Amino acid sequence: MERYVIASLPRRVLVYLVDKAIISVIFAPIFILIHKDSMLSFMSFMVVTCAYHTCLTYKYTATIGQRLFRVRVVSCKNQHVNNALVAFDRVLLQFLCPTLSTLLSGAVTTLSPGVPLLSAVLTLHVLVIFFWACWYLTAAFVPQKQTIHDWLCGTVVVTEGT
């Protein structure tokens, strides 16, 4: 049986940065083609990001960044996350707050100052950003370093072979 250790937060941040760099390289040609439509660009970026994380997590239990830093996602029962639905659900939850935040930012820029709806959208945007911060900050305060999407999907991020 393999031995796992909960992945440290600095290691997880490095994994995140490597994966974002790889996704940016993959997305660059798409962005060049559709850069004039910011919403289409954003939605395309989210599709590429979700596909990258879901496919690699499902097939290899790790993204390229995770493999580089010997980190992977396992179920809390110490098994591989080999269910495509769990991998996809985890990714959707992971990108829920950033997606809502971006959509609300777009709404704020299109509303005219003085419109009563603007205050409501700005308040909602601040709440989403606060919730997004809490979403990830939970990992700093719980023993298994789980974010909310880890907890909801019954997964944990571990370092292999230590």
Foldseek 3Di string as FASTA:
>chain_A
DWDWDFDDPVLVVQLVVVLVVVLCVVLVVVCVVPVVDVVVSVVVSLVSSLCQQLVCCQPPQDGPSCVVQQKGKAALVRHRPNDSVLSNQLSCVLCVLVVLLVVLVVVLVVDDPPDPVNVVSVVVNVVSVVVNVQQQCVLVPDPQSHGVSCVVSRMGMTHTDD
